[in-house]
Structures are given as C-alpha cells and as structure tokens.
C-alpha atoms as a PDB file:
ATOM      1  CA  MET A   1      -0.198  -0.491   0.111  1.00  0.00           C
ATOM      2  CA  PRO A   2       1.184   3.393  -1.093  1.00  0.00           C
ATOM      3  CA  LYS A   3       2.399   6.186   1.808  1.00  0.00           C
ATOM      4  CA  VAL A   4       1.803   9.688   0.295  1.00  0.00           C
ATOM      5  CA  ALA A   5       4.118  12.390   1.333  1.00  0.00           C
ATOM      6  CA  ILE A   6       3.276  16.020   0.541  1.00  0.00           C
ATOM      7  CA  ILE A   7       5.562  19.508   0.378  1.00  0.00           C
ATOM      8  CA  GLY A   8       3.541  21.327  -0.983  1.00  0.00           C
ATOM      9  CA  SER A   9       0.781  23.403  -0.613  1.00  0.00           C
ATOM     10  CA  CYS A  10      -3.533  22.736  -0.271  1.00  0.00           C
ATOM     11  CA  ILE A  11      -3.407  22.503  -3.971  1.00  0.00           C
ATOM     12  CA  THR A  12      -2.570  18.688  -3.600  1.00  0.00           C
ATOM     13  CA  ARG A  13      -3.535  17.990  -0.101  1.00  0.00           C
ATOM     14  CA  ASP A  14      -7.387  18.910  -0.775  1.00  0.00           C
ATOM     15  CA  LEU A  15      -6.999  15.919  -2.911  1.00  0.00           C
ATOM     16  CA  TRP A  16      -7.673  13.286   0.283  1.00  0.00           C
ATOM     17  CA  PRO A  17     -10.559  15.018   1.342  1.00  0.00           C
ATOM     18  CA  ILE A  18      -9.683  13.500   4.820  1.00  0.00           C
ATOM     19  CA  ARG A  19      -9.442  15.796   7.852  1.00  0.00           C
ATOM     20  CA  GLY A  20      -6.869  14.372  10.474  1.00  0.00           C
ATOM     21  CA  GLU A  21      -3.756  12.883  10.643  1.00  0.00           C
ATOM     22  CA  THR A  22      -3.927   8.960   8.656  1.00  0.00           C
ATOM     23  CA  GLU A  23      -0.496   6.448   8.595  1.00  0.00           C
ATOM     24  CA  ARG A  24      -0.963   6.750   4.570  1.00  0.00           C
ATOM     25  CA  LEU A  25      -0.548  10.457   4.288  1.00  0.00           C
ATOM     26  CA  LEU A  26       2.187  12.866   5.334  1.00  0.00           C
ATOM     27  CA  TYR A  27       1.177  16.882   4.856  1.00  0.00           C
ATOM     28  CA  VAL A  28       4.562  19.293   4.481  1.00  0.00           C
ATOM     29  CA  SER A  29       3.525  22.441   4.019  1.00  0.00           C
ATOM     30  CA  ARG A  30       3.437  26.227   5.190  1.00  0.00           C
ATOM     31  CA  THR A  31       6.712  26.646   4.309  1.00  0.00           C
ATOM     32  CA  SER A  32       9.936  27.029   1.402  1.00  0.00           C
ATOM     33  CA  LEU A  33      12.721  24.886   0.189  1.00  0.00           C
ATOM     34  CA  PRO A  34      15.731  27.387   1.906  1.00  0.00           C
ATOM     35  CA  SER A  35      13.983  27.107   5.026  1.00  0.00           C
ATOM     36  CA  LEU A  36      13.052  23.467   5.411  1.00  0.00           C
ATOM     37  CA  PHE A  37      16.583  23.324   4.997  1.00  0.00           C
ATOM     38  CA  SER A  38      17.823  25.819   7.432  1.00  0.00           C
ATOM     39  CA  ALA A  39      18.941  26.142  10.884  1.00  0.00           C
ATOM     40  CA  PRO A  40      15.969  26.083  13.692  1.00  0.00           C
ATOM     41  CA  VAL A  41      14.825  29.449  14.657  1.00  0.00           C
ATOM     42  CA  LYS A  42      16.610  29.748  18.167  1.00  0.00           C
ATOM     43  CA  GLY A  43      14.826  31.480  21.084  1.00  0.00           C
ATOM     44  CA  VAL A  44      10.820  31.008  19.801  1.00  0.00           C
ATOM     45  CA  ARG A  45       8.230  29.858  22.738  1.00  0.00           C
ATOM     46  CA  VAL A  46       6.329  28.017  20.805  1.00  0.00           C
ATOM     47  CA  ALA A  47       2.724  27.591  22.859  1.00  0.00           C
ATOM     48  CA  GLU A  48       0.686  24.671  24.376  1.00  0.00           C
ATOM     49  CA  THR A  49      -1.988  25.439  22.511  1.00  0.00           C
ATOM     50  CA  PRO A  50      -2.766  27.287  19.360  1.00  0.00           C
ATOM     51  CA  PRO A  51      -3.288  30.230  19.405  1.00  0.00           C
ATOM     52  CA  ALA A  52      -6.197  32.382  18.364  1.00  0.00           C
ATOM     53  CA  GLY A  53      -7.267  32.597  15.021  1.00  0.00           C
ATOM     54  CA  LEU A  54      -5.532  29.206  14.096  1.00  0.00           C
ATOM     55  CA  GLY A  55      -6.636  25.470  13.894  1.00  0.00           C
ATOM     56  CA  ARG A  56      -4.411  22.856  15.444  1.00  0.00           C
ATOM     57  CA  HIS A  57      -3.291  21.342  12.136  1.00  0.00           C
ATOM     58  CA  GLN A  58      -1.990  25.155  11.177  1.00  0.00           C
ATOM     59  CA  HIS A  59       0.208  25.436  13.965  1.00  0.00           C
ATOM     60  CA  ARG A  60       1.773  22.943  13.318  1.00  0.00           C
ATOM     61  CA  ALA A  61       3.335  23.481  10.370  1.00  0.00           C
ATOM     62  CA  MET A  62       3.964  27.310  11.237  1.00  0.00           C
ATOM     63  CA  VAL A  63       5.893  25.273  14.135  1.00  0.00           C
ATOM     64  CA  ALA A  64       7.620  22.258  11.544  1.00  0.00           C
ATOM     65  CA  ASP A  65       8.567  25.210   9.589  1.00  0.00           C
ATOM     66  CA  LEU A  66      10.688  26.957  12.658  1.00  0.00           C
ATOM     67  CA  GLU A  67      12.061  24.325  14.033  1.00  0.00           C
ATOM     68  CA  LYS A  68      12.395  22.345  11.533  1.00  0.00           C
ATOM     69  CA  THR A  69      11.614  19.265  12.248  1.00  0.00           C
ATOM     70  CA  ALA A  70      10.051  17.947   8.920  1.00  0.00           C
ATOM     71  CA  LEU A  71      13.477  16.138   6.990  1.00  0.00           C
ATOM     72  CA  ALA A  72      12.986  14.006   9.659  1.00  0.00           C
ATOM     73  CA  ALA A  73       9.197  12.845   9.690  1.00  0.00           C
ATOM     74  CA  LEU A  74       9.568  12.609   5.761  1.00  0.00           C
ATOM     75  CA  ILE A  75      12.477  10.028   6.523  1.00  0.00           C
ATOM     76  CA  ALA A  76      11.119   8.540   9.130  1.00  0.00           C
ATOM     77  CA  PHE A  77       7.619   7.568   6.605  1.00  0.00           C
ATOM     78  CA  ARG A  78       8.981   6.531   4.511  1.00  0.00           C
ATOM     79  CA  PRO A  79       6.846   7.459   0.985  1.00  0.00           C
ATOM     80  CA  THR A  80       6.390   5.097  -1.656  1.00  0.00           C
ATOM     81  CA  HIS A  81       5.878   7.886  -3.677  1.00  0.00           C
ATOM     82  CA  LEU A  82       6.538  11.814  -2.959  1.00  0.00           C
ATOM     83  CA  ILE A  83       4.857  15.482  -4.022  1.00  0.00           C
ATOM     84  CA  PHE A  84       5.980  18.539  -5.023  1.00  0.00           C
ATOM     85  CA  ASP A  85       3.824  21.618  -5.542  1.00  0.00           C
ATOM     86  CA  PHE A  86       5.824  24.894  -5.362  1.00  0.00           C
ATOM     87  CA  ILE A  87       1.836  27.198  -4.543  1.00  0.00           C
ATOM     88  CA  ASP A  88       3.085  27.870  -0.987  1.00  0.00           C
ATOM     89  CA  GLU A  89       6.466  29.273  -2.142  1.00  0.00           C
ATOM     90  CA  ARG A  90       4.524  32.729  -2.507  1.00  0.00           C
ATOM     91  CA  PHE A  91       5.623  33.788   1.102  1.00  0.00           C
ATOM     92  CA  ASP A  92       8.667  35.660   1.334  1.00  0.00           C
ATOM     93  CA  LEU A  93      11.039  34.634   3.668  1.00  0.00           C
ATOM     94  CA  ILE A  94      12.519  36.264   7.148  1.00  0.00           C
ATOM     95  CA  SER A  95      16.495  36.255   7.786  1.00  0.00           C
ATOM     96  CA  LEU A  96      17.704  36.140  11.073  1.00  0.00           C
ATOM     97  CA  ARG A  97      20.678  35.085  12.874  1.00  0.00           C
ATOM     98  CA  GLY A  98      21.883  32.773  11.092  1.00  0.00           C
ATOM     99  CA  ALA A  99      18.392  31.126   9.936  1.00  0.00           C
ATOM    100  CA  LEU A 100      15.573  31.535   7.542  1.00  0.00           C
ATOM    101  CA  ALA A 101      12.192  30.991   8.674  1.00  0.00           C
ATOM    102  CA  THR A 102       8.787  31.466   6.071  1.00  0.00           C
ATOM    103  CA  HIS A 103       7.156  33.979   6.487  1.00  0.00           C
ATOM    104  CA  SER A 104       3.504  32.476   6.159  1.00  0.00           C
ATOM    105  CA  TRP A 105      -0.119  33.815   6.807  1.00  0.00           C
ATOM    106  CA  GLU A 106       0.352  31.370  10.332  1.00  0.00           C
ATOM    107  CA  LEU A 107       3.007  32.832  11.421  1.00  0.00           C
ATOM    108  CA  GLU A 108       1.635  36.761  10.898  1.00  0.00           C
ATOM    109  CA  VAL A 109      -1.658  35.473  12.770  1.00  0.00           C
ATOM    110  CA  SER A 110       0.281  33.711  15.501  1.00  0.00           C
ATOM    111  CA  GLY A 111       1.555  36.507  16.974  1.00  0.00           C
ATOM    112  CA  TYR A 112       5.138  35.167  17.131  1.00  0.00           C
ATOM    113  CA  LEU A 113       6.360  37.345  15.219  1.00  0.00           C
ATOM    114  CA  GLY A 114       6.785  40.029  18.624  1.00  0.00           C
ATOM    115  CA  GLN A 115       8.682  37.405  19.838  1.00  0.00           C
ATOM    116  CA  LYS A 116      12.390  38.500  21.243  1.00  0.00           C
ATOM    117  CA  ALA A 117      13.738  35.743  18.527  1.00  0.00           C
ATOM    118  CA  PHE A 118      12.178  37.904  15.967  1.00  0.00           C
ATOM    119  CA  ALA A 119      14.030  41.806  17.230  1.00  0.00           C
ATOM    120  CA  ALA A 120      16.322  41.380  14.459  1.00  0.00           C
ATOM    121  CA  ALA A 121      14.416  39.663  11.498  1.00  0.00           C
ATOM    122  CA  ARG A 122      14.870  40.762   8.717  1.00  0.00           C
ATOM    123  CA  ARG A 123      12.344  40.788   5.236  1.00  0.00           C
ATOM    124  CA  VAL A 124      13.814  38.255   2.105  1.00  0.00           C
ATOM    125  CA  PRO A 125      10.723  39.505  -0.526  1.00  0.00           C
ATOM    126  CA  ARG A 126       9.647  36.279  -2.185  1.00  0.00           C
ATOM    127  CA  LEU A 127      10.250  37.932  -6.201  1.00  0.00           C
ATOM    128  CA  SER A 128      13.917  39.205  -4.921  1.00  0.00           C
ATOM    129  CA  PRO A 129      16.529  38.150  -6.760  1.00  0.00           C
ATOM    130  CA  ALA A 130      18.310  36.987  -3.335  1.00  0.00           C
ATOM    131  CA  CYS A 131      14.667  34.732  -2.854  1.00  0.00           C
ATOM    132  CA  GLU A 132      15.695  33.932  -5.897  1.00  0.00           C
ATOM    133  CA  ARG A 133      19.278  32.658  -4.917  1.00  0.00           C
ATOM    134  CA  LEU A 134      18.409  31.352  -1.851  1.00  0.00           C
ATOM    135  CA  TRP A 135      15.907  29.185  -3.248  1.00  0.00           C
ATOM    136  CA  ARG A 136      17.771  27.389  -5.884  1.00  0.00           C
ATOM    137  CA  HIS A 137      20.086  26.858  -3.012  1.00  0.00           C
ATOM    138  CA  GLY A 138      17.453  24.552  -1.422  1.00  0.00           C
ATOM    139  CA  ALA A 139      16.381  23.016  -4.440  1.00  0.00           C
ATOM    140  CA  ALA A 140      20.029  21.551  -4.726  1.00  0.00           C
ATOM    141  CA  GLU A 141      20.025  20.612  -1.309  1.00  0.00           C
ATOM    142  CA  MET A 142      16.433  19.360  -1.261  1.00  0.00           C
ATOM    143  CA  ALA A 143      18.081  17.152  -4.343  1.00  0.00           C
ATOM    144  CA  ALA A 144      20.566  15.718  -2.835  1.00  0.00           C
ATOM    145  CA  PHE A 145      19.072  15.007   0.236  1.00  0.00           C
ATOM    146  CA  VAL A 146      16.595  13.001  -1.690  1.00  0.00           C
ATOM    147  CA  ARG A 147      19.219  11.261  -3.440  1.00  0.00           C
ATOM    148  CA  ALA A 148      21.240  10.768  -0.059  1.00  0.00           C
ATOM    149  CA  THR A 149      18.101   9.216   2.284  1.00  0.00           C
ATOM    150  CA  PRO A 150      15.464   6.951   1.781  1.00  0.00           C
ATOM    151  CA  LEU A 151      13.367   9.005  -0.296  1.00  0.00           C
ATOM    152  CA  LYS A 152      15.931   7.782  -3.432  1.00  0.00           C
ATOM    153  CA  ASP A 153      13.238   4.729  -3.613  1.00  0.00           C
ATOM    154  CA  ALA A 154       9.648   7.231  -3.908  1.00  0.00           C
ATOM    155  CA  ALA A 155       8.408   7.666  -6.926  1.00  0.00           C
ATOM    156  CA  LEU A 156       8.312  11.474  -7.145  1.00  0.00           C
ATOM    157  CA  ILE A 157       5.880  13.586  -8.434  1.00  0.00           C
ATOM    158  CA  LEU A 158       5.968  17.637  -9.800  1.00  0.00           C
ATOM    159  CA  HIS A 159       2.125  18.351  -9.414  1.00  0.00           C
ATOM    160  CA  SER A 160       2.576  21.782 -11.452  1.00  0.00           C
ATOM    161  CA  ALA A 161       0.537  24.701 -10.528  1.00  0.00           C
ATOM    162  CA  ARG A 162      -0.092  28.041 -11.629  1.00  0.00           C
ATOM    163  CA  TRP A 163      -2.077  30.906  -9.711  1.00  0.00           C
ATOM    164  CA  ALA A 164      -5.835  30.880 -11.994  1.00  0.00           C
ATOM    165  CA  GLU A 165      -6.289  33.564 -13.552  1.00  0.00           C
ATOM    166  CA  GLN A 166      -9.881  33.884 -13.957  1.00  0.00           C
ATOM    167  CA  SER A 167     -13.197  32.676 -11.794  1.00  0.00           C
ATOM    168  CA  ARG A 168     -15.658  30.581 -12.260  1.00  0.00           C
ATOM    169  CA  GLY A 169     -19.089  32.669 -11.275  1.00  0.00           C
ATOM    170  CA  ALA A 170     -22.440  31.656 -10.108  1.00  0.00           C
ATOM    171  CA  LYS A 171     -23.474  31.362 -13.421  1.00  0.00           C
ATOM    172  CA  GLY A 172     -20.517  28.963 -14.848  1.00  0.00           C
ATOM    173  CA  ARG A 173     -19.005  32.344 -16.333  1.00  0.00           C
ATOM    174  CA  PRO A 174     -15.579  33.090 -16.337  1.00  0.00           C
ATOM    175  CA  LYS A 175     -14.824  35.962 -14.922  1.00  0.00           C
ATOM    176  CA  SER A 176     -11.708  37.977 -13.642  1.00  0.00           C
ATOM    177  CA  LEU A 177     -10.314  37.440 -10.270  1.00  0.00           C
ATOM    178  CA  PRO A 178      -9.975  40.532  -8.252  1.00  0.00           C
ATOM    179  CA  THR A 179      -6.098  41.784  -7.190  1.00  0.00           C
ATOM    180  CA  PRO A 180      -4.737  39.223  -4.793  1.00  0.00           C
ATOM    181  CA  GLU A 181      -3.183  39.194  -1.535  1.00  0.00           C
ATOM    182  CA  ILE A 182      -1.609  37.380   0.330  1.00  0.00           C
ATOM    183  CA  LEU A 183      -0.826  38.882   3.741  1.00  0.00           C
ATOM    184  CA  PRO A 184      -3.763  41.560   4.301  1.00  0.00           C
ATOM    185  CA  GLY A 185      -2.398  44.859   2.688  1.00  0.00           C
ATOM    186  CA  ARG A 186      -0.213  43.500   0.052  1.00  0.00           C
ATOM    187  CA  PRO A 187      -1.327  43.070  -3.236  1.00  0.00           C
ATOM    188  CA  GLU A 188       0.030  40.780  -5.391  1.00  0.00           C
ATOM    189  CA  GLU A 189       0.907  40.275  -9.431  1.00  0.00           C
ATOM    190  CA  ILE A 190      -0.980  36.919 -10.730  1.00  0.00           C
ATOM    191  CA  ALA A 191       1.854  36.955 -13.382  1.00  0.00           C
ATOM    192  CA  ALA A 192       5.037  37.966 -11.685  1.00  0.00           C
ATOM    193  CA  HIS A 193       4.170  34.965  -9.610  1.00  0.00           C
ATOM    194  CA  ASN A 194       3.444  32.208 -12.005  1.00  0.00           C
ATOM    195  CA  ARG A 195       6.249  33.374 -14.146  1.00  0.00           C
ATOM    196  CA  LEU A 196       8.042  31.878 -10.855  1.00  0.00           C
ATOM    197  CA  LEU A 197       6.254  29.439 -10.982  1.00  0.00           C
ATOM    198  CA  ALA A 198       7.533  28.199 -14.533  1.00  0.00           C
ATOM    199  CA  SER A 199      11.184  29.188 -13.291  1.00  0.00           C
ATOM    200  CA  TYR A 200      10.763  26.980 -10.225  1.00  0.00           C
ATOM    201  CA  GLU A 201       9.506  23.753 -11.845  1.00  0.00           C
ATOM    202  CA  LYS A 202      12.006  24.491 -14.665  1.00  0.00           C
ATOM    203  CA  ASP A 203      14.472  24.571 -12.335  1.00  0.00           C
ATOM    204  CA  PHE A 204      14.007  22.071  -9.723  1.00  0.00           C
ATOM    205  CA  ALA A 205      13.440  19.316 -12.733  1.00  0.00           C
ATOM    206  CA  ALA A 206      16.777  20.291 -13.971  1.00  0.00           C
ATOM    207  CA  LEU A 207      17.688  19.387 -10.373  1.00  0.00           C
ATOM    208  CA  MET A 208      16.300  16.695  -9.568  1.00  0.00           C
ATOM    209  CA  PRO A 209      16.350  12.904 -10.233  1.00  0.00           C
ATOM    210  CA  PRO A 210      13.432  12.170 -12.236  1.00  0.00           C
ATOM    211  CA  LEU A 211       9.630  13.012 -12.451  1.00  0.00           C
ATOM    212  CA  VAL A 212       6.699  12.612 -12.822  1.00  0.00           C
ATOM    213  CA  ARG A 213       4.722  15.778 -13.973  1.00  0.00           C
ATOM    214  CA  VAL A 214       1.324  15.734 -13.049  1.00  0.00           C
ATOM    215  CA  GLU A 215      -0.849  19.307 -14.164  1.00  0.00           C
ATOM    216  CA  ALA A 216      -4.387  20.236 -15.663  1.00  0.00           C
ATOM    217  CA  PRO A 217      -4.050  23.876 -17.319  1.00  0.00           C
ATOM    218  CA  GLN A 218      -7.221  23.674 -18.750  1.00  0.00           C
ATOM    219  CA  HIS A 219      -8.897  24.222 -15.042  1.00  0.00           C
ATOM    220  CA  ARG A 220      -7.214  27.097 -14.239  1.00  0.00           C
ATOM    221  CA  LEU A 221      -9.964  28.703 -12.772  1.00  0.00           C
ATOM    222  CA  ALA A 222     -10.595  29.464  -9.052  1.00  0.00           C
ATOM    223  CA  ASP A 223     -13.934  28.645  -7.347  1.00  0.00           C
ATOM    224  CA  GLU A 224     -16.210  30.948  -5.686  1.00  0.00           C
ATOM    225  CA  ARG A 225     -17.899  27.770  -3.936  1.00  0.00           C
ATOM    226  CA  HIS A 226     -14.520  26.203  -3.021  1.00  0.00           C
ATOM    227  CA  ARG A 227     -14.755  25.076   0.468  1.00  0.00           C
ATOM    228  CA  TRP A 228     -11.999  27.071   1.502  1.00  0.00           C
ATOM    229  CA  GLY A 229     -12.947  29.963  -0.389  1.00  0.00           C
ATOM    230  CA  LEU A 230     -11.915  32.195  -3.431  1.00  0.00           C
ATOM    231  CA  SER A 231      -8.301  32.591  -3.893  1.00  0.00           C
ATOM    232  CA  PRO A 232      -5.783  31.887  -7.241  1.00  0.00           C
ATOM    233  CA  PHE A 233      -5.247  28.735  -6.406  1.00  0.00           C
ATOM    234  CA  HIS A 234      -8.759  27.510  -5.081  1.00  0.00           C
ATOM    235  CA  TYR A 235      -9.989  25.524  -8.293  1.00  0.00           C
ATOM    236  CA  VAL A 236     -13.497  24.176  -9.638  1.00  0.00           C
ATOM    237  CA  GLY A 237     -14.040  20.543  -9.115  1.00  0.00           C
ATOM    238  CA  ALA A 238     -12.762  19.376 -12.635  1.00  0.00           C
ATOM    239  CA  TYR A 239      -9.514  20.324 -12.169  1.00  0.00           C
ATOM    240  CA  TYR A 240      -8.669  17.770  -8.922  1.00  0.00           C
ATOM    241  CA  GLU A 241     -10.493  15.289 -10.853  1.00  0.00           C
ATOM    242  CA  GLU A 242      -7.959  15.710 -13.646  1.00  0.00           C
ATOM    243  CA  ILE A 243      -4.933  15.746 -11.353  1.00  0.00           C
ATOM    244  CA  TRP A 244      -6.399  12.115 -10.284  1.00  0.00           C
ATOM    245  CA  ARG A 245      -6.731  11.339 -13.069  1.00  0.00           C
ATOM    246  CA  GLN A 246      -2.989  11.103 -14.062  1.00  0.00           C
ATOM    247  CA  LEU A 247      -1.796  10.242 -10.346  1.00  0.00           C
ATOM    248  CA  GLU A 248      -3.510   7.390 -10.651  1.00  0.00           C
ATOM    249  CA  PRO A 249      -1.579   5.198 -13.257  1.00  0.00           C
ATOM    250  CA  LEU A 250       1.039   5.976 -10.847  1.00  0.00           C
ATOM    251  CA  GLY A 251       0.613   3.762  -8.231  1.00  0.00           C
ATOM    252  CA  VAL A 252      -1.607   6.014  -5.983  1.00  0.00           C
ATOM    253  CA  GLU A 253      -5.700   5.770  -5.423  1.00  0.00           C
ATOM    254  CA  ARG A 254      -8.451   7.409  -3.574  1.00  0.00           C
ATOM    255  CA  GLU A 255      -8.789   7.582  -0.438  1.00  0.00           C
ATOM    256  CA  VAL A 256     -10.834   3.876   0.595  1.00  0.00           C
ATOM    257  CA  SER A 257     -12.156   3.197   4.281  1.00  0.00           C
ATOM    258  CA  GLY A 258      -9.944   1.283   6.727  1.00  0.00           C
ATOM    259  CA  PRO A 259     -10.898  -0.992   9.210  1.00  0.00           C
ATOM    260  CA  ALA A 260     -12.623   1.345  11.990  1.00  0.00           C
ATOM    261  CA  GLY A 261     -13.190   3.686   8.986  1.00  0.00           C
ATOM    262  CA  ALA A 262     -10.846   5.414   8.771  1.00  0.00           C
ATOM    263  CA  PRO A 263      -9.823   6.733   5.559  1.00  0.00           C
ATOM    264  CA  SER A 264      -6.330   6.013   4.304  1.00  0.00           C
ATOM    265  CA  VAL A 265      -5.494   5.450  -0.069  1.00  0.00           C
ATOM    266  CA  ARG A 266      -3.659   2.321  -1.183  1.00  0.00           C
ATOM    267  CA  ALA A 267      -1.973   0.948  -4.140  1.00  0.00           C
ATOM    268  CA  ALA A 268      -3.859   1.052  -7.757  1.00  0.00           C
END
C-alpha cells in the first residue's frame, strides 16, 4: 500500500478530502525549500495550544517550519510517493541569526513575530533576486537530500500549478479575479508569481532525480464556492478530477475506508 508524502500546499492536500491524520498521508506545508534546510529559529516560545485564529494543524505546520522537523518526519515516514507543488512558495522569507523562516499567514496571525527571537528579523521578499538565489540553493539541497536518503526509493511527482487568472461565477461563466493578497494589505501580481513558478519548476526538474509531472492547465479556474473560499489556487472540481486521473496510473488511488472506517490511500 502506498504512503504518500506531500511537500506543498492545499492544492495537493485537497485531493484527499479526509480531515486529520492518517498513517498513509504526510503533509508538509507552509514552508519553503530554503527554510526546510535552514538551521532552526532559536529562542521561539511555542504555545502549548494554538494561538487564537489558528487551528491545530495550521499551528503545527508553522512550528515545524520554525523548528525544522519536517525532514526527519519525511525520513521516518518512508513514503512510496513524494509529491511536490510550489504554490506555498509565495510567501516572503524571514532571515534572522543564521536561520530562515517562512513568513506565512499563520506566522503573522500567531503573534510569534512579536517575540524577542524575531527582534532582528529581516524580510526577504519572495520576488527579489536574493530570495531567488536562496530558493535555488534550497532546491539543490533537496535534490541531494533525496538522493542520499530512503526518499530515493519513492516515486517523485511534480504537481505543476499556477495561480488562476479567472474564477467561475455563480452562473458558470468565467470572470476576472480581484487582485489577490498573500497577506492582508499586500496585493500581488498573478503574472509575476506564475513566471516565478514556471522558473522554479524548470530548475527543480533539472536538479532532481526523474520526476513525473501532473498538471491540469485547462482547468485552472478559481471556484467561488470552494470550501476554503475564493483564491487563485482554490480550483474548480474538474481540476482535482483531472489530477486524480493522472495520479492513479502512478500507483496512487483515492481514499477508501479502513477497518475502523478511517480513510486511507491504497495502491491501484
């Protein structure tokens, strides 16, 4: 039976509509390749319960990015399939005392940025040349990490995605999306991020062992009725159906009920 690990975003995680944990699915999110391979952020006081406004899984993903526990979790999980998508590679980075962190919405909401550990933090804008250099170094480290660990035995999949430029309206007609904001008050240009994603994917594929690419460009349309709300990367249902159509021949199948009714994934 396959064990699927995702280094990416909700566009891949949402293929499995199940909630909570499963022994067959590991989800690493709200991070960036340079942050994954950074030293831990020192001196952060982690709350025992999620701060107001954050769910348990959101808080845990953010803390994993700060404490750098994801790589060890991936090795321990020993996935049969490892799926990458780069939609979460939209957040700025934070540089502080020899470490990097992802300036995610969760980190912003958590209140952790007010702690002394972040007093000398410097923002590295996602679309800056400095961030581009850091990302490419992180991509090279990921390629070396995969080759040197049990991850080398996993089937590697690149879920190629872009920000949608249009949404599906109430009557099913496409219409232009409003200017998106990654964080409140910070409007972003869709075309600039899509160019960056194309560049990231090209460089990543050149560095990594062979990857299988799955994509559904014909269905990259935002859905106003998406369960997580309107966003350039919350797509219509046909998008996810097409990605599943491409994943199933690779040995991944939709969830089925386990012995106790718990969802899981299994081999095709």
